[in-house]
PDB file of N, CA and C in Angstrom:
ATOM      1  N   MET A   1       0.938  -1.016  -0.040  1.00  0.00           N
ATOM      2  CA  MET A   1      -0.106   0.219   0.005  1.00  0.00           C
ATOM      3  C   MET A   1       1.114   1.211   0.079  1.00  0.00           C
ATOM      4  N   GLY A   2       0.178   2.355  -0.161  1.00  0.00           N
ATOM      5  CA  GLY A   2       1.178   3.671  -0.337  1.00  0.00           C
ATOM      6  C   GLY A   2       0.536   4.508  -1.586  1.00  0.00           C
ATOM      7  N   ALA A   3       1.412   5.437  -1.516  1.00  0.00           N
ATOM      8  CA  ALA A   3       0.838   6.235  -3.140  1.00  0.00           C
ATOM      9  C   ALA A   3       2.098   6.694  -3.891  1.00  0.00           C
ATOM     10  N   ASP A   4       1.617   6.929  -5.013  1.00  0.00           N
ATOM     11  CA  ASP A   4       2.633   7.395  -5.818  1.00  0.00           C
ATOM     12  C   ASP A   4       2.581   8.986  -5.818  1.00  0.00           C
ATOM     13  N   VAL A   5       3.997   9.493  -5.796  1.00  0.00           N
ATOM     14  CA  VAL A   5       4.169  11.055  -6.016  1.00  0.00           C
ATOM     15  C   VAL A   5       4.582  11.576  -7.310  1.00  0.00           C
ATOM     16  N   SER A   6       3.929  12.740  -7.727  1.00  0.00           N
ATOM     17  CA  SER A   6       4.437  13.212  -9.021  1.00  0.00           C
ATOM     18  C   SER A   6       5.836  13.504  -8.935  1.00  0.00           C
ATOM     19  N   VAL A   7       6.583  13.203  -9.799  1.00  0.00           N
ATOM     20  CA  VAL A   7       7.947  13.607 -10.117  1.00  0.00           C
ATOM     21  C   VAL A   7       8.326  15.027 -10.244  1.00  0.00           C
ATOM     22  N   ASN A   8       6.911  15.551 -10.780  1.00  0.00           N
ATOM     23  CA  ASN A   8       7.124  17.143 -10.783  1.00  0.00           C
ATOM     24  C   ASN A   8       6.627  18.082  -9.575  1.00  0.00           C
ATOM     25  N   ASP A   9       6.202  17.436  -8.652  1.00  0.00           N
ATOM     26  CA  ASP A   9       5.819  18.089  -7.415  1.00  0.00           C
ATOM     27  C   ASP A   9       6.878  18.854  -6.736  1.00  0.00           C
ATOM     28  N   ALA A  10       6.478  20.406  -6.932  1.00  0.00           N
ATOM     29  CA  ALA A  10       7.494  21.482  -6.291  1.00  0.00           C
ATOM     30  C   ALA A  10       7.975  21.097  -4.982  1.00  0.00           C
ATOM     31  N   ALA A  11       6.721  20.299  -4.334  1.00  0.00           N
ATOM     32  CA  ALA A  11       7.427  20.350  -2.683  1.00  0.00           C
ATOM     33  C   ALA A  11       8.458  19.064  -2.422  1.00  0.00           C
ATOM     34  N   LEU A  12       8.946  18.627  -3.464  1.00  0.00           N
ATOM     35  CA  LEU A  12      10.009  17.460  -3.455  1.00  0.00           C
ATOM     36  C   LEU A  12      11.200  18.216  -3.029  1.00  0.00           C
ATOM     37  N   PRO A  13      12.140  17.539  -2.096  1.00  0.00           N
ATOM     38  CA  PRO A  13      13.592  18.126  -1.552  1.00  0.00           C
ATOM     39  C   PRO A  13      14.408  18.339  -2.782  1.00  0.00           C
ATOM     40  N   GLN A  14      15.022  19.399  -3.108  1.00  0.00           N
ATOM     41  CA  GLN A  14      16.220  19.363  -4.165  1.00  0.00           C
ATOM     42  C   GLN A  14      16.835  18.224  -4.636  1.00  0.00           C
ATOM     43  N   ILE A  15      17.490  17.598  -3.445  1.00  0.00           N
ATOM     44  CA  ILE A  15      18.254  16.504  -3.855  1.00  0.00           C
ATOM     45  C   ILE A  15      17.464  15.300  -4.295  1.00  0.00           C
ATOM     46  N   VAL A  16      16.529  15.324  -4.396  1.00  0.00           N
ATOM     47  CA  VAL A  16      15.424  14.125  -4.906  1.00  0.00           C
ATOM     48  C   VAL A  16      15.376  14.599  -6.574  1.00  0.00           C
ATOM     49  N   ARG A  17      14.916  15.865  -6.450  1.00  0.00           N
ATOM     50  CA  ARG A  17      14.329  16.580  -7.875  1.00  0.00           C
ATOM     51  C   ARG A  17      16.012  16.430  -8.939  1.00  0.00           C
ATOM     52  N   GLU A  18      17.069  16.596  -8.185  1.00  0.00           N
ATOM     53  CA  GLU A  18      18.242  16.464  -9.033  1.00  0.00           C
ATOM     54  C   GLU A  18      18.857  15.179  -9.426  1.00  0.00           C
ATOM     55  N   VAL A  19      18.065  13.927  -9.052  1.00  0.00           N
ATOM     56  CA  VAL A  19      18.470  12.635  -9.239  1.00  0.00           C
ATOM     57  C   VAL A  19      17.452  12.429 -10.813  1.00  0.00           C
ATOM     58  N   HIS A  20      16.644  13.412 -10.839  1.00  0.00           N
ATOM     59  CA  HIS A  20      15.832  13.270 -12.110  1.00  0.00           C
ATOM     60  C   HIS A  20      15.015  11.754 -11.919  1.00  0.00           C
ATOM     61  N   PRO A  21      13.767  11.972 -11.299  1.00  0.00           N
ATOM     62  CA  PRO A  21      13.159  10.531 -11.134  1.00  0.00           C
ATOM     63  C   PRO A  21      12.429  10.534 -11.950  1.00  0.00           C
ATOM     64  N   VAL A  22      12.022   9.019 -12.220  1.00  0.00           N
ATOM     65  CA  VAL A  22      11.102   8.703 -13.133  1.00  0.00           C
ATOM     66  C   VAL A  22       9.616   8.272 -12.638  1.00  0.00           C
ATOM     67  N   GLN A  23       9.630   7.990 -11.134  1.00  0.00           N
ATOM     68  CA  GLN A  23       8.657   7.353 -10.431  1.00  0.00           C
ATOM     69  C   GLN A  23       9.084   7.520  -8.973  1.00  0.00           C
ATOM     70  N   ILE A  24       7.933   7.677  -8.349  1.00  0.00           N
ATOM     71  CA  ILE A  24       8.290   8.046  -6.683  1.00  0.00           C
ATOM     72  C   ILE A  24       7.175   7.113  -6.128  1.00  0.00           C
ATOM     73  N   HIS A  25       7.476   6.282  -5.290  1.00  0.00           N
ATOM     74  CA  HIS A  25       6.282   5.819  -4.569  1.00  0.00           C
ATOM     75  C   HIS A  25       6.858   5.861  -2.925  1.00  0.00           C
ATOM     76  N   VAL A  26       5.649   6.269  -2.099  1.00  0.00           N
ATOM     77  CA  VAL A  26       5.673   6.292  -0.523  1.00  0.00           C
ATOM     78  C   VAL A  26       4.922   5.692   0.094  1.00  0.00           C
ATOM     79  N   ALA A  27       5.237   4.999   1.347  1.00  0.00           N
ATOM     80  CA  ALA A  27       4.320   4.515   2.155  1.00  0.00           C
ATOM     81  C   ALA A  27       4.866   4.407   3.550  1.00  0.00           C
ATOM     82  N   THR A  28       4.004   3.965   4.497  1.00  0.00           N
ATOM     83  CA  THR A  28       4.403   4.174   6.278  1.00  0.00           C
ATOM     84  C   THR A  28       5.924   3.334   6.322  1.00  0.00           C
ATOM     85  N   ASN A  29       6.149   2.364   5.539  1.00  0.00           N
ATOM     86  CA  ASN A  29       7.172   1.383   5.658  1.00  0.00           C
ATOM     87  C   ASN A  29       8.283   1.321   4.872  1.00  0.00           C
ATOM     88  N   HIS A  30       8.204   2.131   3.678  1.00  0.00           N
ATOM     89  CA  HIS A  30       9.240   2.360   2.713  1.00  0.00           C
ATOM     90  C   HIS A  30       9.155   3.602   1.530  1.00  0.00           C
ATOM     91  N   ALA A  31      10.113   4.059   0.924  1.00  0.00           N
ATOM     92  CA  ALA A  31      10.107   5.097  -0.129  1.00  0.00           C
ATOM     93  C   ALA A  31      10.918   4.296  -1.190  1.00  0.00           C
ATOM     94  N   TRP A  32      10.655   4.733  -2.303  1.00  0.00           N
ATOM     95  CA  TRP A  32      11.095   4.029  -3.440  1.00  0.00           C
ATOM     96  C   TRP A  32      11.470   5.408  -4.408  1.00  0.00           C
ATOM     97  N   VAL A  33      12.609   5.440  -5.016  1.00  0.00           N
ATOM     98  CA  VAL A  33      12.453   6.138  -5.918  1.00  0.00           C
ATOM     99  C   VAL A  33      13.342   5.671  -7.314  1.00  0.00           C
ATOM    100  N   LEU A  34      12.515   5.436  -8.524  1.00  0.00           N
ATOM    101  CA  LEU A  34      12.984   4.940  -9.609  1.00  0.00           C
ATOM    102  C   LEU A  34      13.654   5.973 -10.528  1.00  0.00           C
ATOM    103  N   VAL A  35      14.789   5.991 -10.862  1.00  0.00           N
ATOM    104  CA  VAL A  35      15.925   7.000 -11.315  1.00  0.00           C
ATOM    105  C   VAL A  35      16.024   6.224 -12.908  1.00  0.00           C
ATOM    106  N   ARG A  36      16.152   5.363 -13.205  1.00  0.00           N
ATOM    107  CA  ARG A  36      16.088   4.833 -14.524  1.00  0.00           C
ATOM    108  C   ARG A  36      15.344   3.609 -14.463  1.00  0.00           C
ATOM    109  N   GLY A  37      14.265   3.323 -15.411  1.00  0.00           N
ATOM    110  CA  GLY A  37      13.672   2.145 -15.564  1.00  0.00           C
ATOM    111  C   GLY A  37      14.356   1.087 -16.314  1.00  0.00           C
ATOM    112  N   GLY A  38      14.156  -0.144 -16.319  1.00  0.00           N
ATOM    113  CA  GLY A  38      14.062  -1.283 -17.335  1.00  0.00           C
ATOM    114  C   GLY A  38      15.157  -2.244 -16.496  1.00  0.00           C
ATOM    115  N   HIS A  39      14.887  -3.316 -17.132  1.00  0.00           N
ATOM    116  CA  HIS A  39      15.731  -4.727 -16.546  1.00  0.00           C
ATOM    117  C   HIS A  39      17.281  -4.277 -16.724  1.00  0.00           C
ATOM    118  N   ILE A  40      17.612  -3.981 -17.690  1.00  0.00           N
ATOM    119  CA  ILE A  40      18.912  -3.728 -18.105  1.00  0.00           C
ATOM    120  C   ILE A  40      19.154  -2.257 -17.662  1.00  0.00           C
ATOM    121  N   GLY A  41      20.008  -2.053 -16.854  1.00  0.00           N
ATOM    122  CA  GLY A  41      20.642  -0.500 -16.762  1.00  0.00           C
ATOM    123  C   GLY A  41      19.528   0.365 -15.541  1.00  0.00           C
ATOM    124  N   GLY A  42      18.558  -0.543 -15.010  1.00  0.00           N
ATOM    125  CA  GLY A  42      17.609   0.122 -14.232  1.00  0.00           C
ATOM    126  C   GLY A  42      18.047   0.670 -12.669  1.00  0.00           C
ATOM    127  N   LEU A  43      17.697   1.716 -12.393  1.00  0.00           N
ATOM    128  CA  LEU A  43      18.442   2.026 -10.844  1.00  0.00           C
ATOM    129  C   LEU A  43      17.240   2.547 -10.270  1.00  0.00           C
ATOM    130  N   ALA A  44      16.926   2.043  -8.871  1.00  0.00           N
ATOM    131  CA  ALA A  44      16.152   2.489  -7.895  1.00  0.00           C
ATOM    132  C   ALA A  44      16.919   2.672  -6.438  1.00  0.00           C
ATOM    133  N   ILE A  45      16.405   3.719  -5.721  1.00  0.00           N
ATOM    134  CA  ILE A  45      16.952   4.078  -4.625  1.00  0.00           C
ATOM    135  C   ILE A  45      15.605   3.463  -3.345  1.00  0.00           C
ATOM    136  N   ILE A  46      16.050   2.894  -2.402  1.00  0.00           N
ATOM    137  CA  ILE A  46      15.206   2.436  -1.586  1.00  0.00           C
ATOM    138  C   ILE A  46      15.363   2.837  -0.151  1.00  0.00           C
ATOM    139  N   TRP A  47      14.230   3.469   0.861  1.00  0.00           N
ATOM    140  CA  TRP A  47      14.739   3.538   2.254  1.00  0.00           C
ATOM    141  C   TRP A  47      13.708   2.862   2.743  1.00  0.00           C
ATOM    142  N   GLU A  48      13.791   1.490   3.657  1.00  0.00           N
ATOM    143  CA  GLU A  48      13.020   0.528   4.078  1.00  0.00           C
ATOM    144  C   GLU A  48      13.755  -0.062   5.430  1.00  0.00           C
ATOM    145  N   PRO A  49      12.972  -0.366   6.013  1.00  0.00           N
ATOM    146  CA  PRO A  49      13.235  -1.332   7.421  1.00  0.00           C
ATOM    147  C   PRO A  49      13.947  -2.273   7.108  1.00  0.00           C
ATOM    148  N   ARG A  50      15.074  -2.770   8.027  1.00  0.00           N
ATOM    149  CA  ARG A  50      16.042  -4.233   7.720  1.00  0.00           C
ATOM    150  C   ARG A  50      15.445  -5.256   8.172  1.00  0.00           C
ATOM    151  N   ASP A  51      14.354  -5.069   9.217  1.00  0.00           N
ATOM    152  CA  ASP A  51      14.105  -6.107   9.877  1.00  0.00           C
ATOM    153  C   ASP A  51      12.558  -5.737  10.506  1.00  0.00           C
ATOM    154  N   GLU A  52      11.963  -6.946  11.178  1.00  0.00           N
ATOM    155  CA  GLU A  52      10.776  -7.052  11.556  1.00  0.00           C
ATOM    156  C   GLU A  52      10.058  -5.852  12.547  1.00  0.00           C
ATOM    157  N   THR A  53      10.858  -5.422  13.306  1.00  0.00           N
ATOM    158  CA  THR A  53      11.024  -4.358  14.135  1.00  0.00           C
ATOM    159  C   THR A  53      10.811  -2.887  13.779  1.00  0.00           C
ATOM    160  N   GLN A  54      11.308  -2.686  12.766  1.00  0.00           N
ATOM    161  CA  GLN A  54      11.312  -1.559  11.959  1.00  0.00           C
ATOM    162  C   GLN A  54      12.095  -0.410  12.998  1.00  0.00           C
ATOM    163  N   THR A  55      13.035  -1.113  13.294  1.00  0.00           N
ATOM    164  CA  THR A  55      13.653   0.232  14.205  1.00  0.00           C
ATOM    165  C   THR A  55      15.107   0.558  13.393  1.00  0.00           C
ATOM    166  N   ASN A  56      15.661  -0.573  12.338  1.00  0.00           N
ATOM    167  CA  ASN A  56      16.729  -0.422  11.659  1.00  0.00           C
ATOM    168  C   ASN A  56      16.416  -0.127  10.465  1.00  0.00           C
ATOM    169  N   TRP A  57      16.785   0.840   9.776  1.00  0.00           N
ATOM    170  CA  TRP A  57      16.193   1.288   8.430  1.00  0.00           C
ATOM    171  C   TRP A  57      17.605   1.393   7.480  1.00  0.00           C
ATOM    172  N   ALA A  58      17.495   0.984   6.267  1.00  0.00           N
ATOM    173  CA  ALA A  58      18.515   1.111   5.278  1.00  0.00           C
ATOM    174  C   ALA A  58      18.130   1.650   4.093  1.00  0.00           C
ATOM    175  N   LEU A  59      19.123   2.641   3.596  1.00  0.00           N
ATOM    176  CA  LEU A  59      19.085   3.240   2.395  1.00  0.00           C
ATOM    177  C   LEU A  59      19.773   2.511   1.371  1.00  0.00           C
ATOM    178  N   SER A  60      19.373   1.943   0.374  1.00  0.00           N
ATOM    179  CA  SER A  60      20.241   1.048  -0.660  1.00  0.00           C
ATOM    180  C   SER A  60      19.690   1.565  -1.863  1.00  0.00           C
ATOM    181  N   ILE A  61      20.792   1.113  -2.954  1.00  0.00           N
ATOM    182  CA  ILE A  61      20.482   1.263  -4.308  1.00  0.00           C
ATOM    183  C   ILE A  61      20.597   0.061  -5.069  1.00  0.00           C
ATOM    184  N   THR A  62      19.577  -0.254  -5.849  1.00  0.00           N
ATOM    185  CA  THR A  62      19.307  -1.573  -6.656  1.00  0.00           C
ATOM    186  C   THR A  62      19.522  -1.381  -8.134  1.00  0.00           C
ATOM    187  N   ASP A  63      19.950  -2.210  -8.928  1.00  0.00           N
ATOM    188  CA  ASP A  63      19.865  -2.372 -10.286  1.00  0.00           C
ATOM    189  C   ASP A  63      18.720  -3.220 -10.877  1.00  0.00           C
ATOM    190  N   GLY A  64      18.564  -2.978 -12.260  1.00  0.00           N
ATOM    191  CA  GLY A  64      17.430  -3.944 -12.728  1.00  0.00           C
ATOM    192  C   GLY A  64      17.557  -5.381 -12.685  1.00  0.00           C
ATOM    193  N   GLU A  65      19.104  -5.655 -12.265  1.00  0.00           N
ATOM    194  CA  GLU A  65      19.414  -7.016 -12.181  1.00  0.00           C
ATOM    195  C   GLU A  65      19.050  -7.764 -10.873  1.00  0.00           C
ATOM    196  N   GLY A  66      18.521  -7.164 -10.074  1.00  0.00           N
ATOM    197  CA  GLY A  66      18.211  -7.323  -8.800  1.00  0.00           C
ATOM    198  C   GLY A  66      19.402  -7.166  -7.653  1.00  0.00           C
ATOM    199  N   LYS A  67      20.613  -6.681  -7.936  1.00  0.00           N
ATOM    200  CA  LYS A  67      21.542  -6.398  -7.091  1.00  0.00           C
ATOM    201  C   LYS A  67      21.144  -5.217  -6.160  1.00  0.00           C
ATOM    202  N   ASN A  68      21.701  -5.385  -4.831  1.00  0.00           N
ATOM    203  CA  ASN A  68      21.359  -4.415  -3.896  1.00  0.00           C
ATOM    204  C   ASN A  68      22.448  -4.175  -2.954  1.00  0.00           C
ATOM    205  N   ASP A  69      22.763  -2.598  -3.053  1.00  0.00           N
ATOM    206  CA  ASP A  69      23.924  -2.295  -2.165  1.00  0.00           C
ATOM    207  C   ASP A  69      23.495  -1.379  -1.160  1.00  0.00           C
ATOM    208  N   VAL A  70      23.576  -1.671   0.233  1.00  0.00           N
ATOM    209  CA  VAL A  70      23.236  -1.040   1.230  1.00  0.00           C
ATOM    210  C   VAL A  70      24.309   0.170   1.296  1.00  0.00           C
ATOM    211  N   VAL A  71      23.606   1.641   1.308  1.00  0.00           N
ATOM    212  CA  VAL A  71      24.849   2.477   1.509  1.00  0.00           C
ATOM    213  C   VAL A  71      24.601   3.408   2.536  1.00  0.00           C
ATOM    214  N   TYR A  72      23.344   3.297   3.561  1.00  0.00           N
ATOM    215  CA  TYR A  72      23.428   3.775   4.830  1.00  0.00           C
ATOM    216  C   TYR A  72      22.379   3.103   5.806  1.00  0.00           C
ATOM    217  N   THR A  73      22.819   3.081   7.077  1.00  0.00           N
ATOM    218  CA  THR A  73      22.054   2.706   7.896  1.00  0.00           C
ATOM    219  C   THR A  73      21.450   3.549   8.955  1.00  0.00           C
ATOM    220  N   ALA A  74      20.360   3.679   9.541  1.00  0.00           N
ATOM    221  CA  ALA A  74      20.089   4.307  10.676  1.00  0.00           C
ATOM    222  C   ALA A  74      18.797   3.488  11.942  1.00  0.00           C
ATOM    223  N   SER A  75      18.849   4.117  12.898  1.00  0.00           N
ATOM    224  CA  SER A  75      17.606   3.464  13.810  1.00  0.00           C
ATOM    225  C   SER A  75      16.564   4.805  13.751  1.00  0.00           C
ATOM    226  N   ARG A  76      15.475   4.143  13.581  1.00  0.00           N
ATOM    227  CA  ARG A  76      14.490   5.046  13.371  1.00  0.00           C
ATOM    228  C   ARG A  76      13.669   5.373  14.590  1.00  0.00           C
TER     229      ARG A  76
END
């Protein structure tokens, strides 16, 4: 569940606009920014919990091939 956010929304932070998103989806337990679509050369940025307690969150980058690199973690 969640909602799509317009990539043209003026309320988006500058840092999000600068990656030129194709699609943005937010929900209570994740945020997902598609930067490039497609199976080959795709790129998405994801903010989501790392465990069921939802106290440890991770910012990760994933490609269209399913590779997922965690680049930042934080307690929420």
